[in-house]
PDB file of all heavy atoms in Angstrom:
ATOM      1  N   ARG A   1       0.838  -1.192   0.000  1.00  0.00           N
ATOM      2  CA  ARG A   1       0.000   0.000   0.000  1.00  0.00           C
ATOM      3  C   ARG A   1       0.873   1.243   0.000  1.00  0.00           C
ATOM      4  O   ARG A   1       1.435   1.574   1.057  1.00  0.00           O
ATOM      5  CB  ARG A   1      -0.918  -0.002   1.228  1.00  0.00           C
ATOM      6  CG  ARG A   1      -1.888  -1.153   1.276  1.00  0.00           C
ATOM      7  CD  ARG A   1      -2.706  -1.160   2.542  1.00  0.00           C
ATOM      8  NE  ARG A   1      -3.507   0.055   2.679  1.00  0.00           N
ATOM      9  CZ  ARG A   1      -4.163   0.357   3.801  1.00  0.00           C
ATOM     10  NH1 ARG A   1      -4.084  -0.428   4.858  1.00  0.00           N
ATOM     11  NH2 ARG A   1      -4.878   1.456   3.874  1.00  0.00           N
ATOM     12  N   PRO A   2       0.990   1.936  -1.106  1.00  0.00           N
ATOM     13  CA  PRO A   2       0.453   1.605  -2.427  1.00  0.00           C
ATOM     14  C   PRO A   2       1.268   0.497  -3.088  1.00  0.00           C
ATOM     15  O   PRO A   2       2.402   0.238  -2.685  1.00  0.00           O
ATOM     16  CB  PRO A   2       0.588   2.912  -3.200  1.00  0.00           C
ATOM     17  CG  PRO A   2       1.785   3.574  -2.580  1.00  0.00           C
ATOM     18  CD  PRO A   2       1.751   3.207  -1.132  1.00  0.00           C
ATOM     19  N   LYS A   3       0.690  -0.146  -4.089  1.00  0.00           N
ATOM     20  CA  LYS A   3       1.342  -1.273  -4.756  1.00  0.00           C
ATOM     21  C   LYS A   3       2.490  -0.783  -5.640  1.00  0.00           C
ATOM     22  O   LYS A   3       2.275  -0.114  -6.646  1.00  0.00           O
ATOM     23  CB  LYS A   3       0.318  -2.062  -5.579  1.00  0.00           C
ATOM     24  CG  LYS A   3      -0.643  -2.882  -4.737  1.00  0.00           C
ATOM     25  CD  LYS A   3      -1.566  -3.713  -5.612  1.00  0.00           C
ATOM     26  CE  LYS A   3      -2.370  -4.699  -4.768  1.00  0.00           C
ATOM     27  NZ  LYS A   3      -3.261  -4.026  -3.814  1.00  0.00           N
ATOM     28  N   LEU A   4       3.714  -1.131  -5.241  1.00  0.00           N
ATOM     29  CA  LEU A   4       4.924  -0.745  -5.961  1.00  0.00           C
ATOM     30  C   LEU A   4       5.939  -1.870  -5.866  1.00  0.00           C
ATOM     31  O   LEU A   4       6.009  -2.563  -4.840  1.00  0.00           O
ATOM     32  CB  LEU A   4       5.543   0.513  -5.339  1.00  0.00           C
ATOM     33  CG  LEU A   4       5.029   1.873  -5.786  1.00  0.00           C
ATOM     34  CD1 LEU A   4       5.587   2.954  -4.860  1.00  0.00           C
ATOM     35  CD2 LEU A   4       5.427   2.167  -7.218  1.00  0.00           C
ATOM     36  N   ALA A   5       6.721  -2.029  -6.912  1.00  0.00           N
ATOM     37  CA  ALA A   5       7.762  -3.068  -6.909  1.00  0.00           C
ATOM     38  C   ALA A   5       9.127  -2.454  -7.200  1.00  0.00           C
ATOM     39  O   ALA A   5       9.238  -1.448  -7.910  1.00  0.00           O
ATOM     40  CB  ALA A   5       7.446  -4.141  -7.946  1.00  0.00           C
ATOM     41  N   ASN A   6      10.155  -3.066  -6.611  1.00  0.00           N
ATOM     42  CA  ASN A   6      11.553  -2.772  -6.937  1.00  0.00           C
ATOM     43  C   ASN A   6      11.992  -1.341  -6.629  1.00  0.00           C
ATOM     44  O   ASN A   6      12.896  -0.808  -7.287  1.00  0.00           O
ATOM     45  CB  ASN A   6      11.831  -3.112  -8.408  1.00  0.00           C
ATOM     46  CG  ASN A   6      11.542  -4.562  -8.717  1.00  0.00           C
ATOM     47  OD1 ASN A   6      11.900  -5.455  -7.953  1.00  0.00           O
ATOM     48  ND2 ASN A   6      10.854  -4.816  -9.817  1.00  0.00           N
ATOM     49  N   ILE A   7      11.359  -0.724  -5.639  1.00  0.00           N
ATOM     50  CA  ILE A   7      11.807   0.585  -5.181  1.00  0.00           C
ATOM     51  C   ILE A   7      13.146   0.415  -4.460  1.00  0.00           C
ATOM     52  O   ILE A   7      13.325  -0.504  -3.661  1.00  0.00           O
ATOM     53  CB  ILE A   7      10.761   1.205  -4.225  1.00  0.00           C
ATOM     54  CG1 ILE A   7       9.469   1.522  -4.978  1.00  0.00           C
ATOM     55  CG2 ILE A   7      11.309   2.455  -3.552  1.00  0.00           C
ATOM     56  CD1 ILE A   7       9.625   2.506  -6.099  1.00  0.00           C
ATOM     57  N   THR A   8      14.101   1.292  -4.738  1.00  0.00           N
ATOM     58  CA  THR A   8      15.405   1.186  -4.081  1.00  0.00           C
ATOM     59  C   THR A   8      15.653   2.312  -3.080  1.00  0.00           C
ATOM     60  O   THR A   8      16.562   2.214  -2.251  1.00  0.00           O
ATOM     61  CB  THR A   8      16.547   1.181  -5.113  1.00  0.00           C
ATOM     62  OG1 THR A   8      16.527   2.409  -5.853  1.00  0.00           O
ATOM     63  CG2 THR A   8      16.412   0.008  -6.061  1.00  0.00           C
ATOM     64  N   GLN A   9      14.856   3.394  -3.161  1.00  0.00           N
ATOM     65  CA  GLN A   9      15.014   4.487  -2.196  1.00  0.00           C
ATOM     66  C   GLN A   9      13.660   5.137  -1.913  1.00  0.00           C
ATOM     67  O   GLN A   9      12.904   5.442  -2.827  1.00  0.00           O
ATOM     68  CB  GLN A   9      15.985   5.554  -2.703  1.00  0.00           C
ATOM     69  CG  GLN A   9      16.187   6.716  -1.745  1.00  0.00           C
ATOM     70  CD  GLN A   9      17.370   7.591  -2.107  1.00  0.00           C
ATOM     71  OE1 GLN A   9      18.375   7.597  -1.418  1.00  0.00           O
ATOM     72  NE2 GLN A   9      17.264   8.344  -3.193  1.00  0.00           N
ATOM     73  N   LEU A  10      13.380   5.339  -0.620  1.00  0.00           N
ATOM     74  CA  LEU A  10      12.177   6.054  -0.205  1.00  0.00           C
ATOM     75  C   LEU A  10      12.575   7.445   0.260  1.00  0.00           C
ATOM     76  O   LEU A  10      13.480   7.606   1.089  1.00  0.00           O
ATOM     77  CB  LEU A  10      11.466   5.302   0.922  1.00  0.00           C
ATOM     78  CG  LEU A  10      10.714   4.052   0.489  1.00  0.00           C
ATOM     79  CD1 LEU A  10      10.347   3.204   1.700  1.00  0.00           C
ATOM     80  CD2 LEU A  10       9.454   4.413  -0.292  1.00  0.00           C
ATOM     81  N   VAL A  11      11.897   8.451  -0.282  1.00  0.00           N
ATOM     82  CA  VAL A  11      12.166   9.847   0.070  1.00  0.00           C
ATOM     83  C   VAL A  11      11.010  10.329   0.934  1.00  0.00           C
ATOM     84  O   VAL A  11       9.890  10.511   0.453  1.00  0.00           O
ATOM     85  CB  VAL A  11      12.300  10.726  -1.197  1.00  0.00           C
ATOM     86  CG1 VAL A  11      12.633  12.161  -0.815  1.00  0.00           C
ATOM     87  CG2 VAL A  11      13.363  10.152  -2.132  1.00  0.00           C
ATOM     88  N   PHE A  12      11.275  10.507   2.220  1.00  0.00           N
ATOM     89  CA  PHE A  12      10.234  10.918   3.166  1.00  0.00           C
ATOM     90  C   PHE A  12      10.269  12.431   3.328  1.00  0.00           C
ATOM     91  O   PHE A  12      11.256  12.995   3.793  1.00  0.00           O
ATOM     92  CB  PHE A  12      10.443  10.236   4.515  1.00  0.00           C
ATOM     93  CG  PHE A  12      10.371   8.735   4.435  1.00  0.00           C
ATOM     94  CD1 PHE A  12      11.503   7.957   4.615  1.00  0.00           C
ATOM     95  CD2 PHE A  12       9.171   8.098   4.170  1.00  0.00           C
ATOM     96  CE1 PHE A  12      11.444   6.577   4.539  1.00  0.00           C
ATOM     97  CE2 PHE A  12       9.103   6.708   4.087  1.00  0.00           C
ATOM     98  CZ  PHE A  12      10.234   5.945   4.278  1.00  0.00           C
ATOM     99  N   VAL A  13       9.183  13.082   2.907  1.00  0.00           N
ATOM    100  CA  VAL A  13       9.117  14.535   2.933  1.00  0.00           C
ATOM    101  C   VAL A  13       8.284  14.979   4.136  1.00  0.00           C
ATOM    102  O   VAL A  13       7.149  14.537   4.321  1.00  0.00           O
ATOM    103  CB  VAL A  13       8.491  15.089   1.639  1.00  0.00           C
ATOM    104  CG1 VAL A  13       8.516  16.619   1.644  1.00  0.00           C
ATOM    105  CG2 VAL A  13       9.229  14.555   0.416  1.00  0.00           C
ATOM    106  N   ILE A  14       8.879  15.836   4.960  1.00  0.00           N
ATOM    107  CA  ILE A  14       8.143  16.436   6.072  1.00  0.00           C
ATOM    108  C   ILE A  14       8.240  17.948   5.953  1.00  0.00           C
ATOM    109  O   ILE A  14       9.164  18.481   5.337  1.00  0.00           O
ATOM    110  CB  ILE A  14       8.676  15.975   7.447  1.00  0.00           C
ATOM    111  CG1 ILE A  14      10.138  16.389   7.638  1.00  0.00           C
ATOM    112  CG2 ILE A  14       8.520  14.472   7.621  1.00  0.00           C
ATOM    113  CD1 ILE A  14      10.669  16.128   9.042  1.00  0.00           C
ATOM    114  N   SER A  15       7.273  18.653   6.530  1.00  0.00           N
ATOM    115  CA  SER A  15       7.300  20.112   6.519  1.00  0.00           C
ATOM    116  C   SER A  15       7.345  20.621   7.950  1.00  0.00           C
ATOM    117  O   SER A  15       7.014  19.899   8.895  1.00  0.00           O
ATOM    118  CB  SER A  15       6.072  20.673   5.796  1.00  0.00           C
ATOM    119  OG  SER A  15       4.890  20.303   6.480  1.00  0.00           O
ATOM    120  N   LYS A  16       7.776  21.849   8.109  1.00  0.00           N
ATOM    121  CA  LYS A  16       7.912  22.430   9.433  1.00  0.00           C
ATOM    122  C   LYS A  16       6.567  22.630  10.103  1.00  0.00           C
ATOM    123  O   LYS A  16       6.393  22.392  11.297  1.00  0.00           O
ATOM    124  CB  LYS A  16       8.657  23.753   9.332  1.00  0.00           C
ATOM    125  CG  LYS A  16       9.069  24.317  10.675  1.00  0.00           C
ATOM    126  CD  LYS A  16       9.852  25.596  10.501  1.00  0.00           C
ATOM    127  CE  LYS A  16      11.107  25.359   9.692  1.00  0.00           C
ATOM    128  NZ  LYS A  16      11.919  26.585   9.596  1.00  0.00           N
ATOM    129  N   LYS A  17       5.587  23.071   9.331  1.00  0.00           N
ATOM    130  CA  LYS A  17       4.225  23.229   9.840  1.00  0.00           C
ATOM    131  C   LYS A  17       3.285  23.303   8.651  1.00  0.00           C
ATOM    132  O   LYS A  17       3.703  23.434   7.510  1.00  0.00           O
ATOM    133  CB  LYS A  17       4.084  24.482  10.710  1.00  0.00           C
ATOM    134  CG  LYS A  17       4.349  25.800   9.998  1.00  0.00           C
ATOM    135  CD  LYS A  17       4.150  26.969  10.969  1.00  0.00           C
ATOM    136  CE  LYS A  17       4.327  28.304  10.260  1.00  0.00           C
ATOM    137  NZ  LYS A  17       4.130  29.443  11.175  1.00  0.00           N
ATOM    138  N   ASP A  18       1.986  23.200   8.955  1.00  0.00           N
ATOM    139  CA  ASP A  18       0.965  23.245   7.883  1.00  0.00           C
ATOM    140  C   ASP A  18       1.221  22.206   6.797  1.00  0.00           C
ATOM    141  O   ASP A  18       1.359  22.548   5.629  1.00  0.00           O
ATOM    142  CB  ASP A  18       0.874  24.633   7.243  1.00  0.00           C
ATOM    143  CG  ASP A  18       0.424  25.700   8.231  1.00  0.00           C
ATOM    144  OD1 ASP A  18      -0.052  25.343   9.323  1.00  0.00           O
ATOM    145  OD2 ASP A  18       0.549  26.882   7.893  1.00  0.00           O
ATOM    146  N   PRO A  19       1.241  20.900   7.040  1.00  0.00           N
ATOM    147  CA  PRO A  19       1.008  20.256   8.346  1.00  0.00           C
ATOM    148  C   PRO A  19       2.294  20.090   9.134  1.00  0.00           C
ATOM    149  O   PRO A  19       3.388  20.053   8.570  1.00  0.00           O
ATOM    150  CB  PRO A  19       0.461  18.889   7.934  1.00  0.00           C
ATOM    151  CG  PRO A  19       1.164  18.610   6.648  1.00  0.00           C
ATOM    152  CD  PRO A  19       1.320  19.931   5.942  1.00  0.00           C
ATOM    153  N   LYS A  20       2.160  19.980  10.449  1.00  0.00           N
ATOM    154  CA  LYS A  20       3.317  19.758  11.313  1.00  0.00           C
ATOM    155  C   LYS A  20       3.872  18.355  11.070  1.00  0.00           C
ATOM    156  O   LYS A  20       3.139  17.445  10.695  1.00  0.00           O
ATOM    157  CB  LYS A  20       2.910  19.921  12.788  1.00  0.00           C
ATOM    158  CG  LYS A  20       2.541  21.335  13.164  1.00  0.00           C
ATOM    159  CD  LYS A  20       2.436  21.497  14.671  1.00  0.00           C
ATOM    160  CE  LYS A  20       3.799  21.426  15.306  1.00  0.00           C
ATOM    161  NZ  LYS A  20       3.751  21.727  16.770  1.00  0.00           N
ATOM    162  N   PRO A  21       5.173  18.159  11.286  1.00  0.00           N
ATOM    163  CA  PRO A  21       5.763  16.840  11.042  1.00  0.00           C
ATOM    164  C   PRO A  21       5.213  15.782  11.986  1.00  0.00           C
ATOM    165  O   PRO A  21       5.137  15.993  13.199  1.00  0.00           O
ATOM    166  CB  PRO A  21       7.255  17.080  11.277  1.00  0.00           C
ATOM    167  CG  PRO A  21       7.352  18.330  12.084  1.00  0.00           C
ATOM    168  CD  PRO A  21       6.177  19.162  11.688  1.00  0.00           C
ATOM    169  N   ASP A  22       4.832  14.649  11.421  1.00  0.00           N
ATOM    170  CA  ASP A  22       4.356  13.510  12.195  1.00  0.00           C
ATOM    171  C   ASP A  22       5.545  12.559  12.344  1.00  0.00           C
ATOM    172  O   ASP A  22       5.758  11.664  11.531  1.00  0.00           O
ATOM    173  CB  ASP A  22       3.192  12.827  11.466  1.00  0.00           C
ATOM    174  CG  ASP A  22       2.551  11.724  12.288  1.00  0.00           C
ATOM    175  OD1 ASP A  22       3.205  11.247  13.245  1.00  0.00           O
ATOM    176  OD2 ASP A  22       1.416  11.318  11.970  1.00  0.00           O
ATOM    177  N   LEU A  23       6.320  12.747  13.414  1.00  0.00           N
ATOM    178  CA  LEU A  23       7.559  11.993  13.578  1.00  0.00           C
ATOM    179  C   LEU A  23       7.308  10.534  13.937  1.00  0.00           C
ATOM    180  O   LEU A  23       8.129   9.667  13.612  1.00  0.00           O
ATOM    181  CB  LEU A  23       8.445  12.662  14.629  1.00  0.00           C
ATOM    182  CG  LEU A  23       8.891  14.095  14.306  1.00  0.00           C
ATOM    183  CD1 LEU A  23       9.841  14.610  15.366  1.00  0.00           C
ATOM    184  CD2 LEU A  23       9.526  14.182  12.921  1.00  0.00           C
ATOM    185  N   LEU A  24       6.201  10.232  14.602  1.00  0.00           N
ATOM    186  CA  LEU A  24       5.867   8.841  14.902  1.00  0.00           C
ATOM    187  C   LEU A  24       5.615   8.072  13.607  1.00  0.00           C
ATOM    188  O   LEU A  24       6.116   6.956  13.425  1.00  0.00           O
ATOM    189  CB  LEU A  24       4.636   8.763  15.803  1.00  0.00           C
ATOM    190  CG  LEU A  24       4.154   7.341  16.156  1.00  0.00           C
ATOM    191  CD1 LEU A  24       5.256   6.553  16.857  1.00  0.00           C
ATOM    192  CD2 LEU A  24       2.891   7.407  17.019  1.00  0.00           C
ATOM    193  N   MET A  25       4.865   8.674  12.680  1.00  0.00           N
ATOM    194  CA  MET A  25       4.623   8.059  11.379  1.00  0.00           C
ATOM    195  C   MET A  25       5.933   7.885  10.620  1.00  0.00           C
ATOM    196  O   MET A  25       6.202   6.838  10.026  1.00  0.00           O
ATOM    197  CB  MET A  25       3.647   8.906  10.566  1.00  0.00           C
ATOM    198  CG  MET A  25       3.360   8.379   9.174  1.00  0.00           C
ATOM    199  SD  MET A  25       2.347   6.903   9.207  1.00  0.00           S
ATOM    200  CE  MET A  25       0.734   7.641   9.534  1.00  0.00           C
ATOM    201  N   LEU A  26       6.768   8.913  10.670  1.00  0.00           N
ATOM    202  CA  LEU A  26       8.061   8.848   9.983  1.00  0.00           C
ATOM    203  C   LEU A  26       8.915   7.716  10.550  1.00  0.00           C
ATOM    204  O   LEU A  26       9.525   6.948   9.795  1.00  0.00           O
ATOM    205  CB  LEU A  26       8.795  10.182  10.119  1.00  0.00           C
ATOM    206  CG  LEU A  26      10.217  10.243   9.546  1.00  0.00           C
ATOM    207  CD1 LEU A  26      10.221   9.970   8.044  1.00  0.00           C
ATOM    208  CD2 LEU A  26      10.857  11.601   9.843  1.00  0.00           C
ATOM    209  N   ASP A  27       8.951   7.577  11.875  1.00  0.00           N
ATOM    210  CA  ASP A  27       9.757   6.527  12.502  1.00  0.00           C
ATOM    211  C   ASP A  27       9.277   5.133  12.090  1.00  0.00           C
ATOM    212  O   ASP A  27      10.086   4.222  11.853  1.00  0.00           O
ATOM    213  CB  ASP A  27       9.699   6.655  14.028  1.00  0.00           C
ATOM    214  CG  ASP A  27      10.483   7.852  14.538  1.00  0.00           C
ATOM    215  OD1 ASP A  27      11.255   8.440  13.751  1.00  0.00           O
ATOM    216  OD2 ASP A  27      10.317   8.218  15.720  1.00  0.00           O
ATOM    217  N   LYS A  28       7.971   4.942  12.007  1.00  0.00           N
ATOM    218  CA  LYS A  28       7.428   3.649  11.589  1.00  0.00           C
ATOM    219  C   LYS A  28       7.860   3.323  10.165  1.00  0.00           C
ATOM    220  O   LYS A  28       8.251   2.185   9.860  1.00  0.00           O
ATOM    221  CB  LYS A  28       5.898   3.665  11.671  1.00  0.00           C
ATOM    222  CG  LYS A  28       5.337   3.647  13.077  1.00  0.00           C
ATOM    223  CD  LYS A  28       3.822   3.666  13.031  1.00  0.00           C
ATOM    224  CE  LYS A  28       3.216   3.625  14.424  1.00  0.00           C
ATOM    225  NZ  LYS A  28       1.730   3.638  14.380  1.00  0.00           N
ATOM    226  N   GLN A  29       7.811   4.312   9.310  1.00  0.00           N
ATOM    227  CA  GLN A  29       8.178   4.084   7.917  1.00  0.00           C
ATOM    228  C   GLN A  29       9.680   3.835   7.756  1.00  0.00           C
ATOM    229  O   GLN A  29      10.100   2.974   6.975  1.00  0.00           O
ATOM    230  CB  GLN A  29       7.746   5.277   7.067  1.00  0.00           C
ATOM    231  CG  GLN A  29       6.234   5.430   7.026  1.00  0.00           C
ATOM    232  CD  GLN A  29       5.818   6.574   6.139  1.00  0.00           C
ATOM    233  OE1 GLN A  29       5.729   6.426   4.934  1.00  0.00           O
ATOM    234  NE2 GLN A  29       5.569   7.719   6.729  1.00  0.00           N
ATOM    235  N   LEU A  30      10.483   4.560   8.507  1.00  0.00           N
ATOM    236  CA  LEU A  30      11.928   4.351   8.459  1.00  0.00           C
ATOM    237  C   LEU A  30      12.283   2.940   8.929  1.00  0.00           C
ATOM    238  O   LEU A  30      13.141   2.274   8.338  1.00  0.00           O
ATOM    239  CB  LEU A  30      12.643   5.385   9.342  1.00  0.00           C
ATOM    240  CG  LEU A  30      12.663   6.819   8.821  1.00  0.00           C
ATOM    241  CD1 LEU A  30      13.191   7.758   9.901  1.00  0.00           C
ATOM    242  CD2 LEU A  30      13.504   6.945   7.559  1.00  0.00           C
ATOM    243  N   ALA A  31      11.608   2.486   9.983  1.00  0.00           N
ATOM    244  CA  ALA A  31      11.873   1.152  10.519  1.00  0.00           C
ATOM    245  C   ALA A  31      11.530   0.074   9.497  1.00  0.00           C
ATOM    246  O   ALA A  31      12.295  -0.889   9.309  1.00  0.00           O
ATOM    247  CB  ALA A  31      11.076   0.934  11.805  1.00  0.00           C
ATOM    248  N   PHE A  32      10.402   0.234   8.812  1.00  0.00           N
ATOM    249  CA  PHE A  32      10.016  -0.785   7.850  1.00  0.00           C
ATOM    250  C   PHE A  32      10.869  -0.727   6.590  1.00  0.00           C
ATOM    251  O   PHE A  32      11.142  -1.763   5.965  1.00  0.00           O
ATOM    252  CB  PHE A  32       8.536  -0.682   7.499  1.00  0.00           C
ATOM    253  CG  PHE A  32       7.955  -1.995   7.082  1.00  0.00           C
ATOM    254  CD1 PHE A  32       7.604  -2.940   8.023  1.00  0.00           C
ATOM    255  CD2 PHE A  32       7.800  -2.318   5.743  1.00  0.00           C
ATOM    256  CE1 PHE A  32       7.096  -4.174   7.648  1.00  0.00           C
ATOM    257  CE2 PHE A  32       7.288  -3.544   5.352  1.00  0.00           C
ATOM    258  CZ  PHE A  32       6.930  -4.477   6.316  1.00  0.00           C
ATOM    259  N   ALA A  33      11.311   0.468   6.219  1.00  0.00           N
ATOM    260  CA  ALA A  33      12.233   0.594   5.091  1.00  0.00           C
ATOM    261  C   ALA A  33      13.530  -0.156   5.395  1.00  0.00           C
ATOM    262  O   ALA A  33      14.094  -0.837   4.530  1.00  0.00           O
ATOM    263  CB  ALA A  33      12.525   2.060   4.797  1.00  0.00           C
ATOM    264  N   GLU A  34      13.999  -0.062   6.644  1.00  0.00           N
ATOM    265  CA  GLU A  34      15.185  -0.816   7.061  1.00  0.00           C
ATOM    266  C   GLU A  34      14.925  -2.319   6.952  1.00  0.00           C
ATOM    267  O   GLU A  34      15.778  -3.082   6.497  1.00  0.00           O
ATOM    268  CB  GLU A  34      15.543  -0.461   8.512  1.00  0.00           C
ATOM    269  CG  GLU A  34      16.019   0.965   8.715  1.00  0.00           C
ATOM    270  CD  GLU A  34      17.461   1.179   8.290  1.00  0.00           C
ATOM    271  OE1 GLU A  34      18.153   0.175   8.025  1.00  0.00           O
ATOM    272  OE2 GLU A  34      17.884   2.351   8.209  1.00  0.00           O
ATOM    273  N   PHE A  35      13.752  -2.737   7.370  1.00  0.00           N
ATOM    274  CA  PHE A  35      13.390  -4.155   7.323  1.00  0.00           C
ATOM    275  C   PHE A  35      13.404  -4.689   5.892  1.00  0.00           C
ATOM    276  O   PHE A  35      13.844  -5.806   5.631  1.00  0.00           O
ATOM    277  CB  PHE A  35      12.008  -4.336   7.942  1.00  0.00           C
ATOM    278  CG  PHE A  35      11.455  -5.733   7.824  1.00  0.00           C
ATOM    279  CD1 PHE A  35      11.961  -6.763   8.589  1.00  0.00           C
ATOM    280  CD2 PHE A  35      10.435  -6.008   6.926  1.00  0.00           C
ATOM    281  CE1 PHE A  35      11.465  -8.059   8.473  1.00  0.00           C
ATOM    282  CE2 PHE A  35       9.927  -7.296   6.806  1.00  0.00           C
ATOM    283  CZ  PHE A  35      10.447  -8.321   7.584  1.00  0.00           C
ATOM    284  N   LEU A  36      12.938  -3.856   4.953  1.00  0.00           N
ATOM    285  CA  LEU A  36      12.877  -4.274   3.548  1.00  0.00           C
ATOM    286  C   LEU A  36      14.201  -4.086   2.816  1.00  0.00           C
ATOM    287  O   LEU A  36      14.357  -4.548   1.692  1.00  0.00           O
ATOM    288  CB  LEU A  36      11.784  -3.480   2.816  1.00  0.00           C
ATOM    289  CG  LEU A  36      10.340  -3.771   3.208  1.00  0.00           C
ATOM    290  CD1 LEU A  36       9.396  -2.795   2.506  1.00  0.00           C
ATOM    291  CD2 LEU A  36       9.961  -5.202   2.870  1.00  0.00           C
ATOM    292  N   GLY A  37      15.145  -3.398   3.455  1.00  0.00           N
ATOM    293  CA  GLY A  37      16.425  -3.153   2.802  1.00  0.00           C
ATOM    294  C   GLY A  37      16.367  -2.023   1.792  1.00  0.00           C
ATOM    295  O   GLY A  37      17.133  -2.008   0.824  1.00  0.00           O
ATOM    296  N   ILE A  38      15.448  -1.061   1.999  1.00  0.00           N
ATOM    297  CA  ILE A  38      15.317   0.087   1.099  1.00  0.00           C
ATOM    298  C   ILE A  38      16.023   1.286   1.719  1.00  0.00           C
ATOM    299  O   ILE A  38      15.834   1.589   2.904  1.00  0.00           O
ATOM    300  CB  ILE A  38      13.837   0.437   0.846  1.00  0.00           C
ATOM    301  CG1 ILE A  38      13.079  -0.774   0.307  1.00  0.00           C
ATOM    302  CG2 ILE A  38      13.717   1.609  -0.124  1.00  0.00           C
ATOM    303  CD1 ILE A  38      11.587  -0.540   0.167  1.00  0.00           C
ATOM    304  N   LYS A  39      16.823   1.979   0.938  1.00  0.00           N
ATOM    305  CA  LYS A  39      17.516   3.176   1.408  1.00  0.00           C
ATOM    306  C   LYS A  39      16.499   4.273   1.700  1.00  0.00           C
ATOM    307  O   LYS A  39      15.501   4.417   0.994  1.00  0.00           O
ATOM    308  CB  LYS A  39      18.515   3.643   0.344  1.00  0.00           C
ATOM    309  CG  LYS A  39      19.364   4.839   0.743  1.00  0.00           C
ATOM    310  CD  LYS A  39      20.342   5.184  -0.367  1.00  0.00           C
ATOM    311  CE  LYS A  39      21.095   6.482  -0.082  1.00  0.00           C
ATOM    312  NZ  LYS A  39      21.911   6.405   1.141  1.00  0.00           N
TER     313      LYS A  39
END
């Protein structure tokens, strides 16, 4: 979700405000990217 194959790098974009950064969401995604071996 979303359906994607063979991604080698995930670029996580956060903003300072409007909307404020959701660091808990970011941490979850970083952890799973590590699990999958994606930069």
